[in-house]
C-alpha atoms as a PDB file:
ATOM      1  CA  MET A   1      97.919  94.590  70.667  1.00  0.00           C
ATOM      2  CA  GLU A   2      99.768  97.865  70.349  1.00  0.00           C
ATOM      3  CA  GLN A   3      96.854  99.464  68.755  1.00  0.00           C
ATOM      4  CA  LEU A   4      94.560  98.446  71.695  1.00  0.00           C
ATOM      5  CA  ARG A   5      96.981  99.946  74.121  1.00  0.00           C
ATOM      6  CA  GLU A   6      97.215 103.173  72.190  1.00  0.00           C
ATOM      7  CA  LYS A   7      93.261 103.392  72.027  1.00  0.00           C
ATOM      8  CA  PHE A   8      93.075 102.877  75.753  1.00  0.00           C
ATOM      9  CA  LEU A   9      95.560 105.333  76.414  1.00  0.00           C
ATOM     10  CA  SER A  10      93.703 107.912  74.278  1.00  0.00           C
ATOM     11  CA  ALA A  11      90.424 106.792  75.941  1.00  0.00           C
ATOM     12  CA  TYR A  12      91.790 107.027  79.470  1.00  0.00           C
ATOM     13  CA  ALA A  13      93.448 110.564  78.731  1.00  0.00           C
ATOM     14  CA  ASP A  14      89.948 111.905  78.065  1.00  0.00           C
ATOM     15  CA  ILE A  15      88.163 110.558  81.171  1.00  0.00           C
ATOM     16  CA  PRO A  16      87.886 113.188  83.784  1.00  0.00           C
ATOM     17  CA  ASN A  17      89.594 112.254  86.919  1.00  0.00           C
ATOM     18  CA  SER A  18      86.236 112.002  88.831  1.00  0.00           C
ATOM     19  CA  LEU A  19      85.164 108.837  86.795  1.00  0.00           C
ATOM     20  CA  ARG A  20      88.703 107.105  86.822  1.00  0.00           C
ATOM     21  CA  LYS A  21      87.637 105.119  89.743  1.00  0.00           C
ATOM     22  CA  GLU A  22      84.505 103.802  88.262  1.00  0.00           C
ATOM     23  CA  ILE A  23      84.468  99.958  87.495  1.00  0.00           C
ATOM     24  CA  ILE A  24      84.817  99.500  83.524  1.00  0.00           C
ATOM     25  CA  ILE A  25      85.150  95.659  83.770  1.00  0.00           C
ATOM     26  CA  ILE A  26      84.949  92.485  85.449  1.00  0.00           C
ATOM     27  CA  ALA A  27      87.464  89.951  84.589  1.00  0.00           C
ATOM     28  CA  ASP A  28      88.508  86.805  86.370  1.00  0.00           C
ATOM     29  CA  GLU A  29      85.656  87.561  89.350  1.00  0.00           C
ATOM     30  CA  LYS A  30      87.580  90.910  89.980  1.00  0.00           C
ATOM     31  CA  THR A  31      86.606  94.399  89.129  1.00  0.00           C
ATOM     32  CA  TYR A  32      88.742  96.949  87.309  1.00  0.00           C
ATOM     33  CA  THR A  33      88.401 100.690  87.346  1.00  0.00           C
ATOM     34  CA  TRP A  34      89.894 102.891  84.659  1.00  0.00           C
ATOM     35  CA  ASP A  35      92.641 103.400  87.115  1.00  0.00           C
ATOM     36  CA  SER A  36      93.501  99.869  87.731  1.00  0.00           C
ATOM     37  CA  THR A  37      93.256  98.960  84.130  1.00  0.00           C
ATOM     38  CA  TYR A  38      95.676 101.906  83.246  1.00  0.00           C
ATOM     39  CA  PHE A  39      98.230 100.311  85.858  1.00  0.00           C
ATOM     40  CA  GLU A  40      97.816  97.190  83.943  1.00  0.00           C
ATOM     41  CA  VAL A  41      98.356  98.459  80.542  1.00  0.00           C
ATOM     42  CA  LYS A  42     101.128 100.954  81.490  1.00  0.00           C
ATOM     43  CA  ASN A  43     102.956  98.136  83.126  1.00  0.00           C
ATOM     44  CA  ASN A  44     102.338  95.829  79.961  1.00  0.00           C
ATOM     45  CA  THR A  45     101.185  92.860  82.037  1.00  0.00           C
ATOM     46  CA  LYS A  46      99.745  89.286  81.165  1.00  0.00           C
ATOM     47  CA  LEU A  47      96.412  90.654  82.555  1.00  0.00           C
ATOM     48  CA  SER A  48      96.431  93.976  80.338  1.00  0.00           C
ATOM     49  CA  GLU A  49      96.145  91.840  77.233  1.00  0.00           C
ATOM     50  CA  LYS A  50      92.857  90.083  78.449  1.00  0.00           C
ATOM     51  CA  LEU A  51      91.636  93.405  79.767  1.00  0.00           C
ATOM     52  CA  LEU A  52      92.252  95.501  76.484  1.00  0.00           C
ATOM     53  CA  ASN A  53      90.519  92.349  74.319  1.00  0.00           C
ATOM     54  CA  THR A  54      87.095  92.734  76.595  1.00  0.00           C
ATOM     55  CA  LEU A  55      87.328  96.499  76.410  1.00  0.00           C
ATOM     56  CA  SER A  56      87.548  96.189  72.584  1.00  0.00           C
ATOM     57  CA  GLU A  57      84.939  93.528  72.253  1.00  0.00           C
ATOM     58  CA  LEU A  58      82.604  95.745  74.513  1.00  0.00           C
ATOM     59  CA  LYS A  59      83.121  98.537  72.113  1.00  0.00           C
ATOM     60  CA  ILE A  60      84.339 100.783  75.068  1.00  0.00           C
ATOM     61  CA  ILE A  61      87.789 101.231  73.192  1.00  0.00           C
END
């Protein structure tokens, strides 16, 4: 899981600020932007694992 966190944080750092408000994933019928996903990952929430796995499956990270 740590490897996925690192991949996401690296990708997030490369995303221009103007794109960080864009929706990148829908999970549990809720939308998540780069910023909201970053919040979950940074705080290592239970939801972050699900988001990271989904982003990996979609080859976004």
